[in-house]
């Protein structure tokens, strides 16, 4: 179990992302809200054309229950549809398929 919390640096980097997407580009920033009652240990987002999960977006950080973070879910492919997986403290996995991150601005993990 990783003891660190989402660092101020990570949150500050997310806050510094530009608010207006480039012309013709879709905004793929999604606020991930942890409403699970458990600490989120890992979070993955892979475009629906992939057969495996990309790297853990949280890295060495965790997201406590009741907290949120803005994540730019953009893999450079131009895709808008992503599958997401949250791994909670204790090993519970919360998976959701086919989320349109170009239209959704908030994703809540329960």
PDB file of N, CA and C in Angstrom:
ATOM      1  N   UNK A   1       0.843  -1.182   0.000  1.00  0.00           N
ATOM      2  CA  UNK A   1       0.000   0.000   0.000  1.00  0.00           C
ATOM      3  C   UNK A   1       0.880   1.234   0.000  1.00  0.00           C
ATOM      4  N   UNK A   2       0.582   2.163  -0.876  1.00  0.00           N
ATOM      5  CA  UNK A   2       1.348   3.392  -0.975  1.00  0.00           C
ATOM      6  C   UNK A   2       0.805   4.420   0.009  1.00  0.00           C
ATOM      7  N   UNK A   3       1.647   4.990   0.867  1.00  0.00           N
ATOM      8  CA  UNK A   3       1.170   5.891   1.898  1.00  0.00           C
ATOM      9  C   UNK A   3       0.984   7.336   1.447  1.00  0.00           C
ATOM     10  N   UNK A   4       1.363   7.697   0.218  1.00  0.00           N
ATOM     11  CA  UNK A   4       1.314   9.100  -0.165  1.00  0.00           C
ATOM     12  C   UNK A   4      -0.086   9.518  -0.591  1.00  0.00           C
ATOM     13  N   UNK A   5      -0.380  10.786  -0.455  1.00  0.00           N
ATOM     14  CA  UNK A   5      -1.626  11.384  -0.939  1.00  0.00           C
ATOM     15  C   UNK A   5      -1.319  12.085  -2.247  1.00  0.00           C
ATOM     16  N   UNK A   6      -2.341  12.411  -3.006  1.00  0.00           N
ATOM     17  CA  UNK A   6      -2.096  13.210  -4.201  1.00  0.00           C
ATOM     18  C   UNK A   6      -1.369  14.462  -3.773  1.00  0.00           C
ATOM     19  N   UNK A   7      -0.259  14.708  -4.398  1.00  0.00           N
ATOM     20  CA  UNK A   7       0.578  15.824  -3.971  1.00  0.00           C
ATOM     21  C   UNK A   7       0.073  17.142  -4.514  1.00  0.00           C
ATOM     22  N   UNK A   8       0.449  18.203  -3.849  1.00  0.00           N
ATOM     23  CA  UNK A   8       0.082  19.536  -4.304  1.00  0.00           C
ATOM     24  C   UNK A   8       0.665  19.794  -5.685  1.00  0.00           C
ATOM     25  N   UNK A   9       1.836  19.225  -5.972  1.00  0.00           N
ATOM     26  CA  UNK A   9       2.455  19.399  -7.286  1.00  0.00           C
ATOM     27  C   UNK A   9       1.570  18.824  -8.366  1.00  0.00           C
ATOM     28  N   UNK A  10       1.038  17.607  -8.150  1.00  0.00           N
ATOM     29  CA  UNK A  10       0.172  16.965  -9.141  1.00  0.00           C
ATOM     30  C   UNK A  10      -1.083  17.802  -9.344  1.00  0.00           C
ATOM     31  N   UNK A  11      -1.687  18.260  -8.268  1.00  0.00           N
ATOM     32  CA  UNK A  11      -2.892  19.074  -8.366  1.00  0.00           C
ATOM     33  C   UNK A  11      -2.586  20.408  -9.035  1.00  0.00           C
ATOM     34  N   UNK A  12      -1.439  20.991  -8.724  1.00  0.00           N
ATOM     35  CA  UNK A  12      -1.075  22.259  -9.334  1.00  0.00           C
ATOM     36  C   UNK A  12      -0.851  22.075 -10.831  1.00  0.00           C
ATOM     37  N   UNK A  13      -0.217  20.987 -11.232  1.00  0.00           N
ATOM     38  CA  UNK A  13       0.003  20.726 -12.651  1.00  0.00           C
ATOM     39  C   UNK A  13      -1.325  20.574 -13.370  1.00  0.00           C
ATOM     40  N   UNK A  14      -2.277  19.894 -12.751  1.00  0.00           N
ATOM     41  CA  UNK A  14      -3.597  19.729 -13.360  1.00  0.00           C
ATOM     42  C   UNK A  14      -4.288  21.082 -13.469  1.00  0.00           C
ATOM     43  N   UNK A  15      -4.112  21.937 -12.471  1.00  0.00           N
ATOM     44  CA  UNK A  15      -4.757  23.240 -12.475  1.00  0.00           C
ATOM     45  C   UNK A  15      -4.162  24.161 -13.533  1.00  0.00           C
ATOM     46  N   UNK A  16      -2.907  23.927 -13.932  1.00  0.00           N
ATOM     47  CA  UNK A  16      -2.251  24.776 -14.910  1.00  0.00           C
ATOM     48  C   UNK A  16      -2.572  24.397 -16.346  1.00  0.00           C
ATOM     49  N   UNK A  17      -3.303  23.313 -16.557  1.00  0.00           N
ATOM     50  CA  UNK A  17      -3.670  22.932 -17.910  1.00  0.00           C
ATOM     51  C   UNK A  17      -4.493  24.044 -18.531  1.00  0.00           C
ATOM     52  N   UNK A  18      -4.287  24.298 -19.815  1.00  0.00           N
ATOM     53  CA  UNK A  18      -5.074  25.364 -20.442  1.00  0.00           C
ATOM     54  C   UNK A  18      -6.561  25.062 -20.385  1.00  0.00           C
ATOM     55  N   UNK A  19      -7.363  26.102 -20.218  1.00  0.00           N
ATOM     56  CA  UNK A  19      -8.810  25.917 -20.103  1.00  0.00           C
ATOM     57  C   UNK A  19      -9.485  25.849 -21.454  1.00  0.00           C
ATOM     58  N   UNK A  20      -8.890  26.393 -22.491  1.00  0.00           N
ATOM     59  CA  UNK A  20      -9.503  26.355 -23.819  1.00  0.00           C
ATOM     60  C   UNK A  20      -8.714  25.403 -24.703  1.00  0.00           C
ATOM     61  N   UNK A  21      -9.371  24.390 -25.279  1.00  0.00           N
ATOM     62  CA  UNK A  21      -8.666  23.493 -26.166  1.00  0.00           C
ATOM     63  C   UNK A  21      -8.287  24.205 -27.460  1.00  0.00           C
ATOM     64  N   UNK A  22      -7.258  23.702 -28.122  1.00  0.00           N
ATOM     65  CA  UNK A  22      -6.848  24.259 -29.405  1.00  0.00           C
ATOM     66  C   UNK A  22      -7.991  24.125 -30.396  1.00  0.00           C
ATOM     67  N   UNK A  23      -7.986  24.981 -31.400  1.00  0.00           N
ATOM     68  CA  UNK A  23      -9.061  24.948 -32.402  1.00  0.00           C
ATOM     69  C   UNK A  23      -9.161  23.553 -32.993  1.00  0.00           C
ATOM     70  N   UNK A  24     -10.381  23.002 -33.014  1.00  0.00           N
ATOM     71  CA  UNK A  24     -10.609  21.675 -33.575  1.00  0.00           C
ATOM     72  C   UNK A  24     -10.309  20.536 -32.619  1.00  0.00           C
ATOM     73  N   UNK A  25      -9.708  20.833 -31.491  1.00  0.00           N
ATOM     74  CA  UNK A  25      -9.367  19.777 -30.536  1.00  0.00           C
ATOM     75  C   UNK A  25     -10.474  19.637 -29.495  1.00  0.00           C
ATOM     76  N   UNK A  26     -10.709  18.404 -29.078  1.00  0.00           N
ATOM     77  CA  UNK A  26     -11.717  18.159 -28.044  1.00  0.00           C
ATOM     78  C   UNK A  26     -11.055  18.252 -26.668  1.00  0.00           C
ATOM     79  N   UNK A  27     -11.799  18.754 -25.694  1.00  0.00           N
ATOM     80  CA  UNK A  27     -11.317  18.843 -24.315  1.00  0.00           C
ATOM     81  C   UNK A  27     -11.496  17.486 -23.659  1.00  0.00           C
ATOM     82  N   UNK A  28     -10.430  16.857 -23.237  1.00  0.00           N
ATOM     83  CA  UNK A  28     -10.474  15.534 -22.617  1.00  0.00           C
ATOM     84  C   UNK A  28     -10.154  15.591 -21.122  1.00  0.00           C
ATOM     85  N   UNK A  29     -10.261  16.792 -20.522  1.00  0.00           N
ATOM     86  CA  UNK A  29     -10.044  16.914 -19.084  1.00  0.00           C
ATOM     87  C   UNK A  29     -11.294  16.450 -18.356  1.00  0.00           C
ATOM     88  N   UNK A  30     -11.106  15.522 -17.422  1.00  0.00           N
ATOM     89  CA  UNK A  30     -12.215  14.963 -16.656  1.00  0.00           C
ATOM     90  C   UNK A  30     -11.863  15.052 -15.173  1.00  0.00           C
ATOM     91  N   UNK A  31     -12.809  15.569 -14.386  1.00  0.00           N
ATOM     92  CA  UNK A  31     -12.634  15.567 -12.939  1.00  0.00           C
ATOM     93  C   UNK A  31     -13.030  14.176 -12.444  1.00  0.00           C
ATOM     94  N   UNK A  32     -12.083  13.468 -11.846  1.00  0.00           N
ATOM     95  CA  UNK A  32     -12.347  12.146 -11.279  1.00  0.00           C
ATOM     96  C   UNK A  32     -12.638  12.349  -9.799  1.00  0.00           C
ATOM     97  N   UNK A  33     -13.846  11.965  -9.382  1.00  0.00           N
ATOM     98  CA  UNK A  33     -14.301  12.143  -8.011  1.00  0.00           C
ATOM     99  C   UNK A  33     -14.321  10.780  -7.328  1.00  0.00           C
ATOM    100  N   UNK A  34     -13.672  10.692  -6.190  1.00  0.00           N
ATOM    101  CA  UNK A  34     -13.680   9.435  -5.434  1.00  0.00           C
ATOM    102  C   UNK A  34     -14.766   9.511  -4.364  1.00  0.00           C
ATOM    103  N   UNK A  35     -15.916   8.869  -4.640  1.00  0.00           N
ATOM    104  CA  UNK A  35     -17.038   8.823  -3.699  1.00  0.00           C
ATOM    105  C   UNK A  35     -17.259   7.389  -3.236  1.00  0.00           C
ATOM    106  N   UNK A  36     -16.191   6.608  -3.217  1.00  0.00           N
ATOM    107  CA  UNK A  36     -16.281   5.171  -2.929  1.00  0.00           C
ATOM    108  C   UNK A  36     -16.272   4.831  -1.444  1.00  0.00           C
ATOM    109  N   UNK A  37     -15.827   5.769  -0.620  1.00  0.00           N
ATOM    110  CA  UNK A  37     -15.663   5.460   0.801  1.00  0.00           C
ATOM    111  C   UNK A  37     -14.317   4.804   1.105  1.00  0.00           C
ATOM    112  N   UNK A  38     -13.499   4.597   0.085  1.00  0.00           N
ATOM    113  CA  UNK A  38     -12.173   3.988   0.243  1.00  0.00           C
ATOM    114  C   UNK A  38     -11.156   4.815  -0.539  1.00  0.00           C
ATOM    115  N   UNK A  39      -9.907   4.711  -0.184  1.00  0.00           N
ATOM    116  CA  UNK A  39      -8.850   5.398  -0.914  1.00  0.00           C
ATOM    117  C   UNK A  39      -8.654   4.745  -2.279  1.00  0.00           C
ATOM    118  N   UNK A  40      -8.570   5.564  -3.312  1.00  0.00           N
ATOM    119  CA  UNK A  40      -8.277   5.058  -4.649  1.00  0.00           C
ATOM    120  C   UNK A  40      -6.761   4.910  -4.768  1.00  0.00           C
ATOM    121  N   UNK A  41      -6.330   3.693  -5.019  1.00  0.00           N
ATOM    122  CA  UNK A  41      -4.900   3.397  -5.092  1.00  0.00           C
ATOM    123  C   UNK A  41      -4.346   3.529  -6.513  1.00  0.00           C
ATOM    124  N   UNK A  42      -5.180   3.216  -7.503  1.00  0.00           N
ATOM    125  CA  UNK A  42      -4.756   3.257  -8.906  1.00  0.00           C
ATOM    126  C   UNK A  42      -5.932   3.735  -9.759  1.00  0.00           C
ATOM    127  N   UNK A  43      -5.599   4.366 -10.893  1.00  0.00           N
ATOM    128  CA  UNK A  43      -6.635   4.775 -11.846  1.00  0.00           C
ATOM    129  C   UNK A  43      -6.061   4.634 -13.251  1.00  0.00           C
ATOM    130  N   UNK A  44      -6.821   3.953 -14.098  1.00  0.00           N
ATOM    131  CA  UNK A  44      -6.407   3.695 -15.467  1.00  0.00           C
ATOM    132  C   UNK A  44      -7.466   4.199 -16.432  1.00  0.00           C
ATOM    133  N   UNK A  45      -7.051   4.677 -17.588  1.00  0.00           N
ATOM    134  CA  UNK A  45      -7.959   5.047 -18.671  1.00  0.00           C
ATOM    135  C   UNK A  45      -7.304   4.614 -19.972  1.00  0.00           C
ATOM    136  N   UNK A  46      -7.981   3.745 -20.701  1.00  0.00           N
ATOM    137  CA  UNK A  46      -7.457   3.247 -21.976  1.00  0.00           C
ATOM    138  C   UNK A  46      -8.513   3.419 -23.041  1.00  0.00           C
ATOM    139  N   UNK A  47      -8.101   3.891 -24.206  1.00  0.00           N
ATOM    140  CA  UNK A  47      -9.100   4.087 -25.245  1.00  0.00           C
ATOM    141  C   UNK A  47      -9.684   2.741 -25.632  1.00  0.00           C
ATOM    142  N   UNK A  48     -10.945   2.758 -26.037  1.00  0.00           N
ATOM    143  CA  UNK A  48     -11.704   1.513 -26.223  1.00  0.00           C
ATOM    144  C   UNK A  48     -11.123   0.614 -27.299  1.00  0.00           C
ATOM    145  N   UNK A  49     -10.215   1.119 -28.123  1.00  0.00           N
ATOM    146  CA  UNK A  49      -9.572   0.299 -29.155  1.00  0.00           C
ATOM    147  C   UNK A  49      -8.405  -0.510 -28.617  1.00  0.00           C
ATOM    148  N   UNK A  50      -8.043  -0.320 -27.369  1.00  0.00           N
ATOM    149  CA  UNK A  50      -6.916  -1.046 -26.758  1.00  0.00           C
ATOM    150  C   UNK A  50      -7.421  -2.303 -26.065  1.00  0.00           C
ATOM    151  N   UNK A  51      -6.586  -3.309 -26.047  1.00  0.00           N
ATOM    152  CA  UNK A  51      -6.978  -4.567 -25.407  1.00  0.00           C
ATOM    153  C   UNK A  51      -6.405  -4.695 -23.998  1.00  0.00           C
ATOM    154  N   UNK A  52      -5.596  -3.706 -23.569  1.00  0.00           N
ATOM    155  CA  UNK A  52      -5.027  -3.750 -22.220  1.00  0.00           C
ATOM    156  C   UNK A  52      -5.048  -2.344 -21.629  1.00  0.00           C
ATOM    157  N   UNK A  53      -4.859  -2.273 -20.309  1.00  0.00           N
ATOM    158  CA  UNK A  53      -4.863  -0.989 -19.609  1.00  0.00           C
ATOM    159  C   UNK A  53      -3.546  -0.268 -19.836  1.00  0.00           C
ATOM    160  N   UNK A  54      -3.613   1.065 -19.959  1.00  0.00           N
ATOM    161  CA  UNK A  54      -2.414   1.896 -20.026  1.00  0.00           C
ATOM    162  C   UNK A  54      -1.831   1.982 -18.611  1.00  0.00           C
ATOM    163  N   UNK A  55      -0.847   2.857 -18.389  1.00  0.00           N
ATOM    164  CA  UNK A  55      -0.213   2.956 -17.071  1.00  0.00           C
ATOM    165  C   UNK A  55      -1.152   3.601 -16.052  1.00  0.00           C
ATOM    166  N   UNK A  56      -0.856   3.356 -14.784  1.00  0.00           N
ATOM    167  CA  UNK A  56      -1.610   3.934 -13.672  1.00  0.00           C
ATOM    168  C   UNK A  56      -1.415   5.450 -13.685  1.00  0.00           C
ATOM    169  N   UNK A  57      -2.489   6.191 -13.899  1.00  0.00           N
ATOM    170  CA  UNK A  57      -2.413   7.649 -13.994  1.00  0.00           C
ATOM    171  C   UNK A  57      -2.004   8.281 -12.668  1.00  0.00           C
ATOM    172  N   UNK A  58      -2.390   7.680 -11.556  1.00  0.00           N
ATOM    173  CA  UNK A  58      -2.032   8.248 -10.245  1.00  0.00           C
ATOM    174  C   UNK A  58      -0.562   8.047  -9.911  1.00  0.00           C
ATOM    175  N   UNK A  59       0.085   7.079 -10.555  1.00  0.00           N
ATOM    176  CA  UNK A  59       1.498   6.829 -10.282  1.00  0.00           C
ATOM    177  C   UNK A  59       1.725   6.459  -8.831  1.00  0.00           C
ATOM    178  N   UNK A  60       2.576   7.192  -8.145  1.00  0.00           N
ATOM    179  CA  UNK A  60       2.884   6.919  -6.736  1.00  0.00           C
ATOM    180  C   UNK A  60       1.898   7.573  -5.781  1.00  0.00           C
ATOM    181  N   UNK A  61       0.932   8.304  -6.306  1.00  0.00           N
ATOM    182  CA  UNK A  61      -0.035   9.009  -5.465  1.00  0.00           C
ATOM    183  C   UNK A  61      -1.310   8.189  -5.298  1.00  0.00           C
ATOM    184  N   UNK A  62      -2.149   8.611  -4.389  1.00  0.00           N
ATOM    185  CA  UNK A  62      -3.455   7.999  -4.155  1.00  0.00           C
ATOM    186  C   UNK A  62      -4.489   9.130  -4.094  1.00  0.00           C
ATOM    187  N   UNK A  63      -5.764   8.757  -4.224  1.00  0.00           N
ATOM    188  CA  UNK A  63      -6.840   9.740  -4.141  1.00  0.00           C
ATOM    189  C   UNK A  63      -7.774   9.334  -3.011  1.00  0.00           C
ATOM    190  N   UNK A  64      -7.735  10.050  -1.879  1.00  0.00           N
ATOM    191  CA  UNK A  64      -8.596   9.708  -0.746  1.00  0.00           C
ATOM    192  C   UNK A  64     -10.079   9.853  -1.101  1.00  0.00           C
ATOM    193  N   UNK A  65     -10.909   9.107  -0.410  1.00  0.00           N
ATOM    194  CA  UNK A  65     -12.351   9.221  -0.598  1.00  0.00           C
ATOM    195  C   UNK A  65     -12.784  10.644  -0.273  1.00  0.00           C
ATOM    196  N   UNK A  66     -13.710  11.167  -1.080  1.00  0.00           N
ATOM    197  CA  UNK A  66     -14.196  12.521  -0.878  1.00  0.00           C
ATOM    198  C   UNK A  66     -13.376  13.575  -1.606  1.00  0.00           C
ATOM    199  N   UNK A  67     -12.303  13.178  -2.252  1.00  0.00           N
ATOM    200  CA  UNK A  67     -11.445  14.120  -2.979  1.00  0.00           C
ATOM    201  C   UNK A  67     -11.592  13.905  -4.469  1.00  0.00           C
ATOM    202  N   UNK A  68     -11.101  14.838  -5.242  1.00  0.00           N
ATOM    203  CA  UNK A  68     -11.147  14.726  -6.698  1.00  0.00           C
ATOM    204  C   UNK A  68      -9.867  15.288  -7.298  1.00  0.00           C
ATOM    205  N   UNK A  69      -9.660  14.961  -8.556  1.00  0.00           N
ATOM    206  CA  UNK A  69      -8.514  15.475  -9.294  1.00  0.00           C
ATOM    207  C   UNK A  69      -8.924  15.594 -10.757  1.00  0.00           C
ATOM    208  N   UNK A  70      -8.410  16.624 -11.438  1.00  0.00           N
ATOM    209  CA  UNK A  70      -8.667  16.790 -12.864  1.00  0.00           C
ATOM    210  C   UNK A  70      -7.555  16.094 -13.629  1.00  0.00           C
ATOM    211  N   UNK A  71      -7.960  15.216 -14.534  1.00  0.00           N
ATOM    212  CA  UNK A  71      -7.006  14.436 -15.320  1.00  0.00           C
ATOM    213  C   UNK A  71      -7.281  14.694 -16.797  1.00  0.00           C
ATOM    214  N   UNK A  72      -6.233  14.931 -17.570  1.00  0.00           N
ATOM    215  CA  UNK A  72      -6.369  15.064 -19.014  1.00  0.00           C
ATOM    216  C   UNK A  72      -6.249  13.657 -19.603  1.00  0.00           C
ATOM    217  N   UNK A  73      -7.362  13.076 -19.995  1.00  0.00           N
ATOM    218  CA  UNK A  73      -7.388  11.706 -20.512  1.00  0.00           C
ATOM    219  C   UNK A  73      -7.223  11.790 -22.029  1.00  0.00           C
ATOM    220  N   UNK A  74      -6.003  12.019 -22.460  1.00  0.00           N
ATOM    221  CA  UNK A  74      -5.698  12.164 -23.879  1.00  0.00           C
ATOM    222  C   UNK A  74      -4.462  11.319 -24.174  1.00  0.00           C
ATOM    223  N   UNK A  75      -4.637  10.284 -24.978  1.00  0.00           N
ATOM    224  CA  UNK A  75      -3.511   9.405 -25.303  1.00  0.00           C
ATOM    225  C   UNK A  75      -2.836   9.766 -26.624  1.00  0.00           C
ATOM    226  N   UNK A  76      -3.232  10.890 -27.209  1.00  0.00           N
ATOM    227  CA  UNK A  76      -2.620  11.335 -28.448  1.00  0.00           C
ATOM    228  C   UNK A  76      -3.215  10.704 -29.702  1.00  0.00           C
ATOM    229  N   UNK A  77      -4.173   9.809 -29.547  1.00  0.00           N
ATOM    230  CA  UNK A  77      -4.756   9.104 -30.694  1.00  0.00           C
ATOM    231  C   UNK A  77      -5.931   9.867 -31.317  1.00  0.00           C
ATOM    232  N   UNK A  78      -6.466  10.865 -30.610  1.00  0.00           N
ATOM    233  CA  UNK A  78      -7.649  11.568 -31.067  1.00  0.00           C
ATOM    234  C   UNK A  78      -8.943  10.903 -30.611  1.00  0.00           C
ATOM    235  N   UNK A  79      -8.826   9.771 -29.905  1.00  0.00           N
ATOM    236  CA  UNK A  79     -10.006   9.038 -29.437  1.00  0.00           C
ATOM    237  C   UNK A  79     -10.730   9.811 -28.347  1.00  0.00           C
ATOM    238  N   UNK A  80     -12.057   9.650 -28.321  1.00  0.00           N
ATOM    239  CA  UNK A  80     -12.886  10.243 -27.267  1.00  0.00           C
ATOM    240  C   UNK A  80     -13.448   9.183 -26.332  1.00  0.00           C
ATOM    241  N   UNK A  81     -13.540   7.959 -26.766  1.00  0.00           N
ATOM    242  CA  UNK A  81     -14.157   6.887 -25.972  1.00  0.00           C
ATOM    243  C   UNK A  81     -13.076   6.099 -25.232  1.00  0.00           C
ATOM    244  N   UNK A  82     -13.236   6.054 -23.886  1.00  0.00           N
ATOM    245  CA  UNK A  82     -12.256   5.386 -23.033  1.00  0.00           C
ATOM    246  C   UNK A  82     -12.952   4.467 -22.034  1.00  0.00           C
ATOM    247  N   UNK A  83     -12.271   3.389 -21.678  1.00  0.00           N
ATOM    248  CA  UNK A  83     -12.654   2.535 -20.556  1.00  0.00           C
ATOM    249  C   UNK A  83     -11.828   3.005 -19.374  1.00  0.00           C
ATOM    250  N   UNK A  84     -12.421   3.030 -18.172  1.00  0.00           N
ATOM    251  CA  UNK A  84     -11.677   3.445 -16.979  1.00  0.00           C
ATOM    252  C   UNK A  84     -11.768   2.368 -15.914  1.00  0.00           C
ATOM    253  N   UNK A  85     -10.721   2.291 -15.112  1.00  0.00           N
ATOM    254  CA  UNK A  85     -10.632   1.323 -14.020  1.00  0.00           C
ATOM    255  C   UNK A  85     -10.034   2.017 -12.805  1.00  0.00           C
ATOM    256  N   UNK A  86     -10.743   1.956 -11.685  1.00  0.00           N
ATOM    257  CA  UNK A  86     -10.226   2.446 -10.409  1.00  0.00           C
ATOM    258  C   UNK A  86      -9.990   1.239  -9.515  1.00  0.00           C
ATOM    259  N   UNK A  87      -8.826   1.183  -8.882  1.00  0.00           N
ATOM    260  CA  UNK A  87      -8.518   0.127  -7.922  1.00  0.00           C
ATOM    261  C   UNK A  87      -8.480   0.779  -6.555  1.00  0.00           C
ATOM    262  N   UNK A  88      -9.351   0.297  -5.674  1.00  0.00           N
ATOM    263  CA  UNK A  88      -9.505   0.892  -4.347  1.00  0.00           C
ATOM    264  C   UNK A  88      -8.704   0.129  -3.307  1.00  0.00           C
ATOM    265  N   UNK A  89      -8.455   0.798  -2.184  1.00  0.00           N
ATOM    266  CA  UNK A  89      -7.795   0.160  -1.042  1.00  0.00           C
ATOM    267  C   UNK A  89      -8.562  -1.107  -0.691  1.00  0.00           C
ATOM    268  N   UNK A  90      -7.878  -2.203  -0.558  1.00  0.00           N
ATOM    269  CA  UNK A  90      -8.517  -3.483  -0.288  1.00  0.00           C
ATOM    270  C   UNK A  90      -8.674  -4.325  -1.549  1.00  0.00           C
ATOM    271  N   UNK A  91      -8.378  -3.727  -2.719  1.00  0.00           N
ATOM    272  CA  UNK A  91      -8.383  -4.486  -3.958  1.00  0.00           C
ATOM    273  C   UNK A  91      -9.648  -4.411  -4.798  1.00  0.00           C
ATOM    274  N   UNK A  92     -10.703  -3.769  -4.290  1.00  0.00           N
ATOM    275  CA  UNK A  92     -11.938  -3.673  -5.084  1.00  0.00           C
ATOM    276  C   UNK A  92     -11.676  -2.890  -6.362  1.00  0.00           C
ATOM    277  N   UNK A  93     -12.185  -3.411  -7.486  1.00  0.00           N
ATOM    278  CA  UNK A  93     -12.017  -2.791  -8.793  1.00  0.00           C
ATOM    279  C   UNK A  93     -13.358  -2.229  -9.274  1.00  0.00           C
ATOM    280  N   UNK A  94     -13.350  -0.980  -9.706  1.00  0.00           N
ATOM    281  CA  UNK A  94     -14.546  -0.335 -10.238  1.00  0.00           C
ATOM    282  C   UNK A  94     -14.224   0.024 -11.690  1.00  0.00           C
ATOM    283  N   UNK A  95     -14.924  -0.628 -12.599  1.00  0.00           N
ATOM    284  CA  UNK A  95     -14.644  -0.472 -14.018  1.00  0.00           C
ATOM    285  C   UNK A  95     -15.872   0.080 -14.737  1.00  0.00           C
ATOM    286  N   UNK A  96     -15.633   0.995 -15.662  1.00  0.00           N
ATOM    287  CA  UNK A  96     -16.712   1.511 -16.496  1.00  0.00           C
ATOM    288  C   UNK A  96     -16.198   1.593 -17.925  1.00  0.00           C
ATOM    289  N   UNK A  97     -17.034   1.160 -18.855  1.00  0.00           N
ATOM    290  CA  UNK A  97     -16.649   1.075 -20.267  1.00  0.00           C
ATOM    291  C   UNK A  97     -17.280   2.188 -21.101  1.00  0.00           C
ATOM    292  N   UNK A  98     -16.566   2.555 -22.150  1.00  0.00           N
ATOM    293  CA  UNK A  98     -17.081   3.392 -23.225  1.00  0.00           C
ATOM    294  C   UNK A  98     -17.542   4.781 -22.765  1.00  0.00           C
ATOM    295  N   UNK A  99     -16.727   5.454 -21.974  1.00  0.00           N
ATOM    296  CA  UNK A  99     -17.017   6.814 -21.519  1.00  0.00           C
ATOM    297  C   UNK A  99     -16.509   7.791 -22.584  1.00  0.00           C
ATOM    298  N   UNK A 100     -17.351   8.724 -22.986  1.00  0.00           N
ATOM    299  CA  UNK A 100     -16.940   9.725 -23.960  1.00  0.00           C
ATOM    300  C   UNK A 100     -16.313  10.900 -23.199  1.00  0.00           C
ATOM    301  N   UNK A 101     -14.985  10.914 -23.115  1.00  0.00           N
ATOM    302  CA  UNK A 101     -14.284  11.935 -22.337  1.00  0.00           C
ATOM    303  C   UNK A 101     -14.263  13.297 -23.032  1.00  0.00           C
ATOM    304  N   UNK A 102     -14.724  13.344 -24.285  1.00  0.00           N
ATOM    305  CA  UNK A 102     -14.856  14.627 -24.987  1.00  0.00           C
ATOM    306  C   UNK A 102     -16.149  15.334 -24.596  1.00  0.00           C
ATOM    307  N   UNK A 103     -17.091  14.585 -24.009  1.00  0.00           N
ATOM    308  CA  UNK A 103     -18.375  15.159 -23.605  1.00  0.00           C
ATOM    309  C   UNK A 103     -18.580  15.169 -22.090  1.00  0.00           C
ATOM    310  N   UNK A 104     -17.922  14.276 -21.374  1.00  0.00           N
ATOM    311  CA  UNK A 104     -18.098  14.138 -19.925  1.00  0.00           C
ATOM    312  C   UNK A 104     -17.019  14.961 -19.224  1.00  0.00           C
ATOM    313  N   UNK A 105     -17.410  15.809 -18.285  1.00  0.00           N
ATOM    314  CA  UNK A 105     -16.427  16.600 -17.564  1.00  0.00           C
ATOM    315  C   UNK A 105     -16.186  16.098 -16.142  1.00  0.00           C
ATOM    316  N   UNK A 106     -17.007  15.138 -15.686  1.00  0.00           N
ATOM    317  CA  UNK A 106     -16.863  14.592 -14.333  1.00  0.00           C
ATOM    318  C   UNK A 106     -17.178  13.105 -14.365  1.00  0.00           C
ATOM    319  N   UNK A 107     -16.336  12.314 -13.692  1.00  0.00           N
ATOM    320  CA  UNK A 107     -16.563  10.868 -13.554  1.00  0.00           C
ATOM    321  C   UNK A 107     -16.467  10.550 -12.062  1.00  0.00           C
ATOM    322  N   UNK A 108     -17.528   9.977 -11.518  1.00  0.00           N
ATOM    323  CA  UNK A 108     -17.569   9.654 -10.094  1.00  0.00           C
ATOM    324  C   UNK A 108     -17.397   8.160  -9.899  1.00  0.00           C
ATOM    325  N   UNK A 109     -16.459   7.790  -9.042  1.00  0.00           N
ATOM    326  CA  UNK A 109     -16.219   6.400  -8.674  1.00  0.00           C
ATOM    327  C   UNK A 109     -16.938   6.163  -7.365  1.00  0.00           C
ATOM    328  N   UNK A 110     -17.870   5.184  -7.374  1.00  0.00           N
ATOM    329  CA  UNK A 110     -18.637   4.867  -6.167  1.00  0.00           C
ATOM    330  C   UNK A 110     -18.291   3.493  -5.662  1.00  0.00           C
TER     331      UNK A 110
END
